[in-house]
Amino acid sequence: MVSAAETQTGQIVTVVDSADVQSGRVAEDSGPGPLGSSAPQVEVAAPARSDGARPAMLRAAALVLGLLSAWLLLFAALLSSLQAHGTQGRLYAMYRSELANETAPYEAPIPVGDPVALMSVARLGIDHLVIVEGTTSSQLRSGPGHEVDTPLPGQVGTSVLMGRSFSYGGPFSGISRLRKGDEIVLTTAQGTFHYQVVDMRHPGAALPRPVAGVTGWLTLITSSGGWLGPLTPGGPVYVDASLARSEAQPVPAALPLLTSAGHALRGDTSALVPLIFWIEGLLVAAAVVAVGWWRWGRWQTWLVGVPLLLAASWGVSDSLMQFLPNLL
């Protein structure tokens, strides 16, 4: 499009759109100026350039994705271990008190997440590791868990314990190093029970053969490493052990059913509501930091905002981890 305008000096200036210049329509639309005036000057409006906007956005997205990935890896490898260590200390004190007062549970139903046993394995350097009730991804954040549809350690039948291999301290990361004859000691409200390792197996392998006079068995389950090692859990690993030195105790009550989230290598979708809550908290914390940066200043904002951002990020990460396989 061509338009004409008169400047303060009386000079006629014709403004031509760049699209008209490229299409060759300037010669048709702009004729000679008025009689006695000089030839019109043509000013071409340069097209807006956005060539650098897209790469900048891609770089920013890659940076954010990289930071999030690094944070999640840091949480899974280190921060979750600190959280589990603190939880184990609290549960150990709680269970010792229950054992001393003879109030520790040993018959169903047992509230999930409550401590039910202490485990020690000399070969692995494990001493009084607290076993909790339940095997969902949420419950295994506290430590190894007892599968609710199996008897407790020391009772008649096969007691199944599951534990993580990498995150939250990876309490069962070393069970594949156990050898035949190694001892596993478990203490419950019914006493202390000694198991001897019989074999280690993978999915599809035959179950251990029954042993005459043995009525109590123990199976430990964790995950093997995948193509990225412990970050990508492969199939489950089983360690079978038989009860020695003592008689198995009778199962005092009917056992509950196992939910789908309690099976090996399953995630726990019940963490969706907490995840939404923590994401909202993270957005609020980010908004507080943004407003504080503008109104208060840099150092005051960091002093208040960093703890808020860390707490919200911790909650988001902890909730996300529950969606991953429970043996990771």
C-alpha atoms as a PDB file:
ATOM      1  CA  MET A   1       0.000   0.000   0.000  1.00  0.00           C
ATOM      2  CA  VAL A   2       1.289   3.459  -0.892  1.00  0.00           C
ATOM      3  CA  SER A   3       0.462   6.611   1.051  1.00  0.00           C
ATOM      4  CA  ALA A   4       1.723  10.183   0.826  1.00  0.00           C
ATOM      5  CA  ALA A   5       2.423  12.634   3.624  1.00  0.00           C
ATOM      6  CA  GLU A   6       3.749  16.206   3.642  1.00  0.00           C
ATOM      7  CA  THR A   7       6.585  17.036   5.993  1.00  0.00           C
ATOM      8  CA  GLN A   8       7.091  20.377   7.779  1.00  0.00           C
ATOM      9  CA  THR A   9       9.373  21.540   4.948  1.00  0.00           C
ATOM     10  CA  GLY A  10       6.684  20.916   2.363  1.00  0.00           C
ATOM     11  CA  GLN A  11       8.376  17.858   0.958  1.00  0.00           C
ATOM     12  CA  ILE A  12       6.119  15.056  -0.128  1.00  0.00           C
ATOM     13  CA  VAL A  13       7.139  11.724   1.325  1.00  0.00           C
ATOM     14  CA  THR A  14       5.615   8.547   0.047  1.00  0.00           C
ATOM     15  CA  VAL A  15       5.521   5.609   2.445  1.00  0.00           C
ATOM     16  CA  VAL A  16       5.451   2.242   0.794  1.00  0.00           C
ATOM     17  CA  ASP A  17       4.794  -1.058   2.504  1.00  0.00           C
ATOM     18  CA  SER A  18       7.613  -3.593   2.095  1.00  0.00           C
ATOM     19  CA  ALA A  19       5.196  -6.126   0.678  1.00  0.00           C
ATOM     20  CA  ASP A  20       4.385  -3.741  -2.182  1.00  0.00           C
ATOM     21  CA  VAL A  21       8.063  -3.282  -2.914  1.00  0.00           C
ATOM     22  CA  GLN A  22       8.617  -7.011  -3.088  1.00  0.00           C
ATOM     23  CA  SER A  23       5.581  -7.549  -5.329  1.00  0.00           C
ATOM     24  CA  GLY A  24       6.519  -4.741  -7.727  1.00  0.00           C
ATOM     25  CA  ARG A  25       3.415  -2.612  -7.191  1.00  0.00           C
ATOM     26  CA  VAL A  26       5.285   0.546  -6.220  1.00  0.00           C
ATOM     27  CA  ALA A  27       5.663   1.785  -9.780  1.00  0.00           C
ATOM     28  CA  GLU A  28       1.938   1.523 -10.371  1.00  0.00           C
ATOM     29  CA  ASP A  29       0.744   3.165  -7.191  1.00  0.00           C
ATOM     30  CA  SER A  30       3.285   5.970  -6.849  1.00  0.00           C
ATOM     31  CA  GLY A  31       3.281   8.423  -9.739  1.00  0.00           C
ATOM     32  CA  PRO A  32       5.130  11.721 -10.092  1.00  0.00           C
ATOM     33  CA  GLY A  33       4.617  14.248  -7.342  1.00  0.00           C
ATOM     34  CA  PRO A  34       2.802  17.569  -7.754  1.00  0.00           C
ATOM     35  CA  LEU A  35       4.095  20.136 -10.300  1.00  0.00           C
ATOM     36  CA  GLY A  36       7.272  21.803  -9.107  1.00  0.00           C
ATOM     37  CA  SER A  37       7.965  19.322  -6.364  1.00  0.00           C
ATOM     38  CA  SER A  38      10.938  17.076  -6.224  1.00  0.00           C
ATOM     39  CA  ALA A  39      10.676  13.412  -6.837  1.00  0.00           C
ATOM     40  CA  PRO A  40       8.980  11.676  -3.911  1.00  0.00           C
ATOM     41  CA  GLN A  41      11.198   9.837  -1.468  1.00  0.00           C
ATOM     42  CA  VAL A  42      10.221   6.296  -0.709  1.00  0.00           C
ATOM     43  CA  GLU A  43      10.602   4.953   2.790  1.00  0.00           C
ATOM     44  CA  VAL A  44      10.264   1.178   3.046  1.00  0.00           C
ATOM     45  CA  ALA A  45       9.098  -0.188   6.372  1.00  0.00           C
ATOM     46  CA  ALA A  46      11.471  -3.014   7.302  1.00  0.00           C
ATOM     47  CA  PRO A  47       9.661  -6.258   8.113  1.00  0.00           C
ATOM     48  CA  ALA A  48       9.761  -7.360  11.733  1.00  0.00           C
ATOM     49  CA  ARG A  49      12.311 -10.122  12.267  1.00  0.00           C
ATOM     50  CA  SER A  50      11.534 -12.930  14.678  1.00  0.00           C
ATOM     51  CA  ASP A  51      14.249 -15.326  13.594  1.00  0.00           C
ATOM     52  CA  GLY A  52      15.895 -15.340  17.028  1.00  0.00           C
ATOM     53  CA  ALA A  53      12.689 -15.748  19.083  1.00  0.00           C
ATOM     54  CA  ARG A  54      12.159 -19.439  18.410  1.00  0.00           C
ATOM     55  CA  PRO A  55      15.725 -20.588  19.208  1.00  0.00           C
ATOM     56  CA  ALA A  56      15.616 -18.541  22.402  1.00  0.00           C
ATOM     57  CA  MET A  57      12.377 -20.197  23.453  1.00  0.00           C
ATOM     58  CA  LEU A  58      13.798 -23.631  22.667  1.00  0.00           C
ATOM     59  CA  ARG A  59      16.915 -22.890  24.698  1.00  0.00           C
ATOM     60  CA  ALA A  60      14.804 -21.724  27.632  1.00  0.00           C
ATOM     61  CA  ALA A  61      12.616 -24.838  27.452  1.00  0.00           C
ATOM     62  CA  ALA A  62      15.683 -27.087  27.285  1.00  0.00           C
ATOM     63  CA  LEU A  63      17.192 -25.285  30.287  1.00  0.00           C
ATOM     64  CA  VAL A  64      14.015 -25.693  32.351  1.00  0.00           C
ATOM     65  CA  LEU A  65      13.714 -29.369  31.365  1.00  0.00           C
ATOM     66  CA  GLY A  66      17.355 -29.970  32.247  1.00  0.00           C
ATOM     67  CA  LEU A  67      17.007 -28.308  35.642  1.00  0.00           C
ATOM     68  CA  LEU A  68      13.871 -30.323  36.438  1.00  0.00           C
ATOM     69  CA  SER A  69      15.557 -33.579  35.411  1.00  0.00           C
ATOM     70  CA  ALA A  70      18.629 -32.774  37.503  1.00  0.00           C
ATOM     71  CA  TRP A  71      16.473 -31.955  40.513  1.00  0.00           C
ATOM     72  CA  LEU A  72      14.466 -35.207  40.226  1.00  0.00           C
ATOM     73  CA  LEU A  73      17.669 -37.231  39.898  1.00  0.00           C
ATOM     74  CA  LEU A  74      19.126 -35.450  42.935  1.00  0.00           C
ATOM     75  CA  PHE A  75      15.966 -36.155  44.887  1.00  0.00           C
ATOM     76  CA  ALA A  76      15.844 -39.839  43.930  1.00  0.00           C
ATOM     77  CA  ALA A  77      19.539 -40.460  44.584  1.00  0.00           C
ATOM     78  CA  LEU A  78      20.202 -38.335  47.670  1.00  0.00           C
ATOM     79  CA  LEU A  79      17.365 -36.293  49.125  1.00  0.00           C
ATOM     80  CA  SER A  80      14.906 -39.192  49.292  1.00  0.00           C
ATOM     81  CA  SER A  81      17.548 -41.156  51.217  1.00  0.00           C
ATOM     82  CA  LEU A  82      17.741 -38.390  53.810  1.00  0.00           C
ATOM     83  CA  GLN A  83      13.969 -38.452  54.105  1.00  0.00           C
ATOM     84  CA  ALA A  84      13.888 -42.247  54.535  1.00  0.00           C
ATOM     85  CA  HIS A  85      16.685 -42.104  57.121  1.00  0.00           C
ATOM     86  CA  GLY A  86      14.686 -39.670  59.229  1.00  0.00           C
ATOM     87  CA  THR A  87      11.544 -41.781  58.885  1.00  0.00           C
ATOM     88  CA  GLN A  88      13.431 -44.940  59.894  1.00  0.00           C
ATOM     89  CA  GLY A  89      14.702 -43.259  63.042  1.00  0.00           C
ATOM     90  CA  ARG A  90      11.205 -42.223  64.055  1.00  0.00           C
ATOM     91  CA  LEU A  91       9.725 -45.666  63.294  1.00  0.00           C
ATOM     92  CA  TYR A  92      12.529 -47.458  65.163  1.00  0.00           C
ATOM     93  CA  ALA A  93      11.877 -45.466  68.327  1.00  0.00           C
ATOM     94  CA  MET A  94       8.148 -46.097  67.957  1.00  0.00           C
ATOM     95  CA  TYR A  95       8.533 -49.859  67.444  1.00  0.00           C
ATOM     96  CA  ARG A  96      11.018 -50.313  70.307  1.00  0.00           C
ATOM     97  CA  SER A  97       8.515 -48.647  72.596  1.00  0.00           C
ATOM     98  CA  GLU A  98       5.742 -50.934  71.354  1.00  0.00           C
ATOM     99  CA  LEU A  99       7.901 -54.033  71.856  1.00  0.00           C
ATOM    100  CA  ALA A 100       8.809 -52.932  75.378  1.00  0.00           C
ATOM    101  CA  ASN A 101       5.151 -52.304  76.221  1.00  0.00           C
ATOM    102  CA  GLU A 102       4.009 -55.489  74.430  1.00  0.00           C
ATOM    103  CA  THR A 103       1.677 -53.501  72.193  1.00  0.00           C
ATOM    104  CA  ALA A 104       3.384 -54.210  68.846  1.00  0.00           C
ATOM    105  CA  PRO A 105       0.913 -55.616  66.302  1.00  0.00           C
ATOM    106  CA  TYR A 106       1.206 -59.182  65.044  1.00  0.00           C
ATOM    107  CA  GLU A 107      -2.238 -60.012  63.673  1.00  0.00           C
ATOM    108  CA  ALA A 108      -4.376 -58.535  60.902  1.00  0.00           C
ATOM    109  CA  PRO A 109      -5.635 -55.971  60.328  1.00  0.00           C
ATOM    110  CA  ILE A 110      -2.552 -53.820  60.838  1.00  0.00           C
ATOM    111  CA  PRO A 111      -2.668 -50.159  59.718  1.00  0.00           C
ATOM    112  CA  VAL A 112      -0.512 -49.674  56.635  1.00  0.00           C
ATOM    113  CA  GLY A 113       2.676 -47.784  57.312  1.00  0.00           C
ATOM    114  CA  ASP A 114       2.973 -49.027  60.898  1.00  0.00           C
ATOM    115  CA  PRO A 115       6.175 -50.886  61.890  1.00  0.00           C
ATOM    116  CA  VAL A 116       5.788 -54.672  62.148  1.00  0.00           C
ATOM    117  CA  ALA A 117       9.350 -56.062  62.365  1.00  0.00           C
ATOM    118  CA  LEU A 118      13.069 -55.317  62.643  1.00  0.00           C
ATOM    119  CA  MET A 119      15.473 -56.964  60.202  1.00  0.00           C
ATOM    120  CA  SER A 120      19.232 -57.556  60.497  1.00  0.00           C
ATOM    121  CA  VAL A 121      21.503 -59.091  57.835  1.00  0.00           C
ATOM    122  CA  ALA A 122      25.172 -59.363  58.805  1.00  0.00           C
ATOM    123  CA  ARG A 123      26.496 -59.890  55.265  1.00  0.00           C
ATOM    124  CA  LEU A 124      24.843 -56.676  54.050  1.00  0.00           C
ATOM    125  CA  GLY A 125      25.603 -54.587  57.132  1.00  0.00           C
ATOM    126  CA  ILE A 126      21.890 -54.177  57.859  1.00  0.00           C
ATOM    127  CA  ASP A 127      21.067 -53.717  61.539  1.00  0.00           C
ATOM    128  CA  HIS A 128      17.550 -53.276  62.891  1.00  0.00           C
ATOM    129  CA  LEU A 129      16.028 -52.082  59.646  1.00  0.00           C
ATOM    130  CA  VAL A 130      12.359 -51.264  60.302  1.00  0.00           C
ATOM    131  CA  ILE A 131       9.805 -53.180  58.223  1.00  0.00           C
ATOM    132  CA  VAL A 132       6.457 -51.428  57.714  1.00  0.00           C
ATOM    133  CA  GLU A 133       3.066 -52.825  56.819  1.00  0.00           C
ATOM    134  CA  GLY A 134       2.193 -52.496  53.128  1.00  0.00           C
ATOM    135  CA  THR A 135       4.072 -52.606  49.840  1.00  0.00           C
ATOM    136  CA  THR A 136       2.665 -49.761  47.762  1.00  0.00           C
ATOM    137  CA  SER A 137       5.037 -47.138  46.414  1.00  0.00           C
ATOM    138  CA  SER A 138       3.800 -44.732  49.067  1.00  0.00           C
ATOM    139  CA  GLN A 139       4.484 -47.120  51.939  1.00  0.00           C
ATOM    140  CA  LEU A 140       7.909 -48.216  50.677  1.00  0.00           C
ATOM    141  CA  ARG A 141       9.153 -44.643  51.037  1.00  0.00           C
ATOM    142  CA  SER A 142       9.534 -45.390  54.764  1.00  0.00           C
ATOM    143  CA  GLY A 143      11.494 -48.613  54.313  1.00  0.00           C
ATOM    144  CA  PRO A 144      10.941 -52.238  53.289  1.00  0.00           C
ATOM    145  CA  GLY A 145       7.323 -53.341  53.483  1.00  0.00           C
ATOM    146  CA  HIS A 146       5.453 -56.498  54.413  1.00  0.00           C
ATOM    147  CA  GLU A 147       2.994 -57.784  51.816  1.00  0.00           C
ATOM    148  CA  VAL A 148      -0.350 -57.627  53.607  1.00  0.00           C
ATOM    149  CA  ASP A 149      -1.797 -60.869  52.194  1.00  0.00           C
ATOM    150  CA  THR A 150       1.086 -62.957  53.583  1.00  0.00           C
ATOM    151  CA  PRO A 151       1.846 -63.948  57.201  1.00  0.00           C
ATOM    152  CA  LEU A 152       4.258 -61.897  59.262  1.00  0.00           C
ATOM    153  CA  PRO A 153       7.844 -63.135  59.623  1.00  0.00           C
ATOM    154  CA  GLY A 154       7.987 -66.013  62.075  1.00  0.00           C
ATOM    155  CA  GLN A 155       4.477 -67.239  61.283  1.00  0.00           C
ATOM    156  CA  VAL A 156       3.454 -70.355  59.367  1.00  0.00           C
ATOM    157  CA  GLY A 157       3.626 -69.911  55.604  1.00  0.00           C
ATOM    158  CA  THR A 158       5.681 -67.649  53.339  1.00  0.00           C
ATOM    159  CA  SER A 159       6.182 -64.088  54.508  1.00  0.00           C
ATOM    160  CA  VAL A 160       6.959 -61.649  51.669  1.00  0.00           C
ATOM    161  CA  LEU A 161       8.978 -58.454  52.190  1.00  0.00           C
ATOM    162  CA  MET A 162       9.591 -55.898  49.421  1.00  0.00           C
ATOM    163  CA  GLY A 163      12.172 -53.130  49.361  1.00  0.00           C
ATOM    164  CA  ARG A 164      13.498 -50.476  47.006  1.00  0.00           C
ATOM    165  CA  SER A 165      16.751 -50.927  45.139  1.00  0.00           C
ATOM    166  CA  PHE A 166      17.745 -47.272  44.522  1.00  0.00           C
ATOM    167  CA  SER A 167      15.582 -44.458  45.842  1.00  0.00           C
ATOM    168  CA  TYR A 168      14.781 -43.711  49.494  1.00  0.00           C
ATOM    169  CA  GLY A 169      18.069 -45.262  50.563  1.00  0.00           C
ATOM    170  CA  GLY A 170      17.685 -48.428  48.467  1.00  0.00           C
ATOM    171  CA  PRO A 171      17.401 -50.691  51.545  1.00  0.00           C
ATOM    172  CA  PHE A 172      17.249 -53.893  49.440  1.00  0.00           C
ATOM    173  CA  SER A 173      19.881 -52.857  46.887  1.00  0.00           C
ATOM    174  CA  GLY A 174      22.299 -55.511  48.128  1.00  0.00           C
ATOM    175  CA  ILE A 175      20.102 -58.588  48.536  1.00  0.00           C
ATOM    176  CA  SER A 176      21.401 -60.052  45.266  1.00  0.00           C
ATOM    177  CA  ARG A 177      24.757 -60.486  47.075  1.00  0.00           C
ATOM    178  CA  LEU A 178      23.270 -62.909  49.578  1.00  0.00           C
ATOM    179  CA  ARG A 179      24.521 -66.473  49.338  1.00  0.00           C
ATOM    180  CA  LYS A 180      23.116 -69.819  50.394  1.00  0.00           C
ATOM    181  CA  GLY A 181      23.355 -70.210  54.146  1.00  0.00           C
ATOM    182  CA  ASP A 182      23.482 -66.473  54.966  1.00  0.00           C
ATOM    183  CA  GLU A 183      21.396 -65.562  57.977  1.00  0.00           C
ATOM    184  CA  ILE A 184      18.495 -63.107  58.073  1.00  0.00           C
ATOM    185  CA  VAL A 185      17.236 -62.206  61.558  1.00  0.00           C
ATOM    186  CA  LEU A 186      13.760 -60.760  62.084  1.00  0.00           C
ATOM    187  CA  THR A 187      12.256 -59.542  65.346  1.00  0.00           C
ATOM    188  CA  THR A 188       8.498 -59.196  65.763  1.00  0.00           C
ATOM    189  CA  ALA A 189       6.044 -59.039  68.639  1.00  0.00           C
ATOM    190  CA  GLN A 190       6.134 -62.867  68.693  1.00  0.00           C
ATOM    191  CA  GLY A 191       9.906 -63.167  69.141  1.00  0.00           C
ATOM    192  CA  THR A 192      13.166 -63.275  67.176  1.00  0.00           C
ATOM    193  CA  PHE A 193      13.349 -65.572  64.145  1.00  0.00           C
ATOM    194  CA  HIS A 194      16.399 -66.734  62.204  1.00  0.00           C
ATOM    195  CA  TYR A 195      16.156 -67.522  58.489  1.00  0.00           C
ATOM    196  CA  GLN A 196      18.799 -69.093  56.272  1.00  0.00           C
ATOM    197  CA  VAL A 197      19.045 -68.141  52.606  1.00  0.00           C
ATOM    198  CA  VAL A 198      18.166 -71.032  50.292  1.00  0.00           C
ATOM    199  CA  ASP A 199      18.445 -69.497  46.846  1.00  0.00           C
ATOM    200  CA  MET A 200      18.101 -66.386  44.688  1.00  0.00           C
ATOM    201  CA  ARG A 201      15.858 -66.531  41.622  1.00  0.00           C
ATOM    202  CA  HIS A 202      14.361 -64.431  38.827  1.00  0.00           C
ATOM    203  CA  PRO A 203      10.881 -64.537  37.245  1.00  0.00           C
ATOM    204  CA  GLY A 204      10.178 -67.903  35.679  1.00  0.00           C
ATOM    205  CA  ALA A 205      12.558 -69.829  37.942  1.00  0.00           C
ATOM    206  CA  ALA A 206      11.241 -72.719  39.991  1.00  0.00           C
ATOM    207  CA  LEU A 207      10.175 -72.123  43.581  1.00  0.00           C
ATOM    208  CA  PRO A 208      12.376 -73.615  46.294  1.00  0.00           C
ATOM    209  CA  ARG A 209      11.605 -77.213  47.139  1.00  0.00           C
ATOM    210  CA  PRO A 210       9.800 -77.884  50.410  1.00  0.00           C
ATOM    211  CA  VAL A 211      12.066 -78.889  53.266  1.00  0.00           C
ATOM    212  CA  ALA A 212      10.890 -81.498  55.734  1.00  0.00           C
ATOM    213  CA  GLY A 213       9.990 -79.976  59.085  1.00  0.00           C
ATOM    214  CA  VAL A 214      10.173 -76.366  57.813  1.00  0.00           C
ATOM    215  CA  THR A 215       6.861 -74.522  58.026  1.00  0.00           C
ATOM    216  CA  GLY A 216       8.102 -70.933  57.872  1.00  0.00           C
ATOM    217  CA  TRP A 217       9.550 -69.262  54.775  1.00  0.00           C
ATOM    218  CA  LEU A 218      10.699 -65.778  53.868  1.00  0.00           C
ATOM    219  CA  THR A 219      10.917 -64.131  50.435  1.00  0.00           C
ATOM    220  CA  LEU A 220      12.685 -60.815  49.870  1.00  0.00           C
ATOM    221  CA  ILE A 221      11.849 -58.951  46.656  1.00  0.00           C
ATOM    222  CA  THR A 222      13.523 -55.997  44.947  1.00  0.00           C
ATOM    223  CA  SER A 223      14.216 -54.941  41.357  1.00  0.00           C
ATOM    224  CA  SER A 224      17.171 -55.594  39.116  1.00  0.00           C
ATOM    225  CA  GLY A 225      18.754 -52.791  37.111  1.00  0.00           C
ATOM    226  CA  GLY A 226      17.552 -52.000  33.594  1.00  0.00           C
ATOM    227  CA  TRP A 227      19.298 -50.343  30.634  1.00  0.00           C
ATOM    228  CA  LEU A 228      20.154 -47.320  32.795  1.00  0.00           C
ATOM    229  CA  GLY A 229      21.125 -49.375  35.804  1.00  0.00           C
ATOM    230  CA  PRO A 230      19.111 -48.729  38.974  1.00  0.00           C
ATOM    231  CA  LEU A 231      17.379 -45.727  37.376  1.00  0.00           C
ATOM    232  CA  THR A 232      15.347 -48.061  35.161  1.00  0.00           C
ATOM    233  CA  PRO A 233      14.207 -51.069  37.180  1.00  0.00           C
ATOM    234  CA  GLY A 234      14.106 -54.347  35.313  1.00  0.00           C
ATOM    235  CA  GLY A 235      12.371 -57.465  36.544  1.00  0.00           C
ATOM    236  CA  PRO A 236      12.036 -58.462  40.193  1.00  0.00           C
ATOM    237  CA  VAL A 237      14.711 -60.397  42.091  1.00  0.00           C
ATOM    238  CA  TYR A 238      13.660 -62.953  44.709  1.00  0.00           C
ATOM    239  CA  VAL A 239      15.669 -64.249  47.654  1.00  0.00           C
ATOM    240  CA  ASP A 240      14.141 -67.270  49.427  1.00  0.00           C
ATOM    241  CA  ALA A 241      15.028 -68.280  52.990  1.00  0.00           C
ATOM    242  CA  SER A 242      13.775 -70.954  55.367  1.00  0.00           C
ATOM    243  CA  LEU A 243      13.094 -70.623  59.068  1.00  0.00           C
ATOM    244  CA  ALA A 244      15.725 -72.235  61.315  1.00  0.00           C
ATOM    245  CA  ARG A 245      16.300 -72.700  65.068  1.00  0.00           C
ATOM    246  CA  SER A 246      12.658 -72.161  66.009  1.00  0.00           C
ATOM    247  CA  GLU A 247       9.113 -73.212  65.210  1.00  0.00           C
ATOM    248  CA  ALA A 248       6.822 -71.034  63.123  1.00  0.00           C
ATOM    249  CA  GLN A 249       3.969 -69.378  64.997  1.00  0.00           C
ATOM    250  CA  PRO A 250       0.368 -69.866  63.866  1.00  0.00           C
ATOM    251  CA  VAL A 251      -1.305 -67.112  61.849  1.00  0.00           C
ATOM    252  CA  PRO A 252      -3.728 -65.565  64.368  1.00  0.00           C
ATOM    253  CA  ALA A 253      -6.263 -64.031  61.963  1.00  0.00           C
ATOM    254  CA  ALA A 254      -7.463 -64.021  58.375  1.00  0.00           C
ATOM    255  CA  LEU A 255      -5.265 -62.036  56.022  1.00  0.00           C
ATOM    256  CA  PRO A 256      -6.561 -59.070  53.968  1.00  0.00           C
ATOM    257  CA  LEU A 257      -6.517 -58.867  50.180  1.00  0.00           C
ATOM    258  CA  LEU A 258      -3.658 -57.211  48.328  1.00  0.00           C
ATOM    259  CA  THR A 259      -4.521 -54.189  46.210  1.00  0.00           C
ATOM    260  CA  SER A 260      -3.082 -53.805  42.710  1.00  0.00           C
ATOM    261  CA  ALA A 261      -0.730 -51.042  43.895  1.00  0.00           C
ATOM    262  CA  GLY A 262       0.869 -53.483  46.339  1.00  0.00           C
ATOM    263  CA  HIS A 263       2.203 -55.843  43.675  1.00  0.00           C
ATOM    264  CA  ALA A 264       5.855 -55.705  42.646  1.00  0.00           C
ATOM    265  CA  LEU A 265       6.879 -52.902  40.236  1.00  0.00           C
ATOM    266  CA  ARG A 266       3.560 -51.068  40.471  1.00  0.00           C
ATOM    267  CA  GLY A 267       3.020 -47.357  40.960  1.00  0.00           C
ATOM    268  CA  ASP A 268       0.546 -45.707  43.323  1.00  0.00           C
ATOM    269  CA  THR A 269      -1.970 -43.361  41.682  1.00  0.00           C
ATOM    270  CA  SER A 270      -3.415 -42.357  45.049  1.00  0.00           C
ATOM    271  CA  ALA A 271      -0.651 -39.738  45.162  1.00  0.00           C
ATOM    272  CA  LEU A 272      -2.488 -37.648  42.540  1.00  0.00           C
ATOM    273  CA  VAL A 273      -4.289 -35.428  45.060  1.00  0.00           C
ATOM    274  CA  PRO A 274      -1.117 -34.626  47.063  1.00  0.00           C
ATOM    275  CA  LEU A 275       0.705 -33.982  43.786  1.00  0.00           C
ATOM    276  CA  ILE A 276      -1.896 -31.406  42.722  1.00  0.00           C
ATOM    277  CA  PHE A 277      -1.693 -29.793  46.155  1.00  0.00           C
ATOM    278  CA  TRP A 278       2.104 -29.493  46.004  1.00  0.00           C
ATOM    279  CA  ILE A 279       2.074 -28.166  42.432  1.00  0.00           C
ATOM    280  CA  GLU A 280      -0.325 -25.438  43.532  1.00  0.00           C
ATOM    281  CA  GLY A 281       1.956 -24.695  46.463  1.00  0.00           C
ATOM    282  CA  LEU A 282       4.949 -24.468  44.131  1.00  0.00           C
ATOM    283  CA  LEU A 283       3.109 -21.997  41.886  1.00  0.00           C
ATOM    284  CA  VAL A 284       2.146 -19.874  44.889  1.00  0.00           C
ATOM    285  CA  ALA A 285       5.748 -19.914  46.129  1.00  0.00           C
ATOM    286  CA  ALA A 286       6.994 -18.862  42.683  1.00  0.00           C
ATOM    287  CA  ALA A 287       4.459 -16.005  42.640  1.00  0.00           C
ATOM    288  CA  VAL A 288       5.575 -14.862  46.102  1.00  0.00           C
ATOM    289  CA  VAL A 289       9.191 -14.841  44.943  1.00  0.00           C
ATOM    290  CA  ALA A 290       8.312 -12.858  41.814  1.00  0.00           C
ATOM    291  CA  VAL A 291       6.347 -10.228  43.745  1.00  0.00           C
ATOM    292  CA  GLY A 292       8.964 -10.059  46.474  1.00  0.00           C
ATOM    293  CA  TRP A 293      11.752  -9.530  43.940  1.00  0.00           C
ATOM    294  CA  TRP A 294       9.883  -6.512  42.604  1.00  0.00           C
ATOM    295  CA  ARG A 295       8.760  -5.000  45.938  1.00  0.00           C
ATOM    296  CA  TRP A 296      11.284  -6.040  48.604  1.00  0.00           C
ATOM    297  CA  GLY A 297      14.601  -6.544  46.898  1.00  0.00           C
ATOM    298  CA  ARG A 298      16.898  -9.384  45.984  1.00  0.00           C
ATOM    299  CA  TRP A 299      18.302 -10.568  49.319  1.00  0.00           C
ATOM    300  CA  GLN A 300      15.062 -10.296  51.259  1.00  0.00           C
ATOM    301  CA  THR A 301      13.303 -12.293  48.548  1.00  0.00           C
ATOM    302  CA  TRP A 302      15.907 -15.064  48.524  1.00  0.00           C
ATOM    303  CA  LEU A 303      15.805 -15.279  52.309  1.00  0.00           C
ATOM    304  CA  VAL A 304      12.054 -15.913  52.308  1.00  0.00           C
ATOM    305  CA  GLY A 305      11.555 -17.495  48.896  1.00  0.00           C
ATOM    306  CA  VAL A 306      14.248 -20.187  48.796  1.00  0.00           C
ATOM    307  CA  PRO A 307      12.822 -22.207  51.750  1.00  0.00           C
ATOM    308  CA  LEU A 308       9.343 -21.943  50.242  1.00  0.00           C
ATOM    309  CA  LEU A 309      10.515 -23.099  46.804  1.00  0.00           C
ATOM    310  CA  LEU A 310      12.566 -25.959  48.274  1.00  0.00           C
ATOM    311  CA  ALA A 311       9.689 -27.191  50.432  1.00  0.00           C
ATOM    312  CA  ALA A 312       7.222 -27.102  47.538  1.00  0.00           C
ATOM    313  CA  SER A 313       9.705 -28.723  45.131  1.00  0.00           C
ATOM    314  CA  TRP A 314      10.397 -31.452  47.703  1.00  0.00           C
ATOM    315  CA  GLY A 315       6.678 -32.165  48.019  1.00  0.00           C
ATOM    316  CA  VAL A 316       6.178 -32.299  44.256  1.00  0.00           C
ATOM    317  CA  SER A 317       9.134 -34.674  43.834  1.00  0.00           C
ATOM    318  CA  ASP A 318       8.041 -36.920  46.691  1.00  0.00           C
ATOM    319  CA  SER A 319       4.556 -37.201  45.179  1.00  0.00           C
ATOM    320  CA  LEU A 320       5.900 -37.864  41.683  1.00  0.00           C
ATOM    321  CA  MET A 321       8.113 -40.682  42.991  1.00  0.00           C
ATOM    322  CA  GLN A 322       5.013 -42.534  44.167  1.00  0.00           C
ATOM    323  CA  PHE A 323       3.821 -42.898  40.577  1.00  0.00           C
ATOM    324  CA  LEU A 324       7.026 -44.794  39.716  1.00  0.00           C
ATOM    325  CA  PRO A 325       7.484 -48.553  40.360  1.00  0.00           C
ATOM    326  CA  ASN A 326       7.484 -49.333  44.075  1.00  0.00           C
ATOM    327  CA  LEU A 327      10.784 -51.257  43.899  1.00  0.00           C
ATOM    328  CA  LEU A 328      12.784 -48.426  42.257  1.00  0.00           C
END
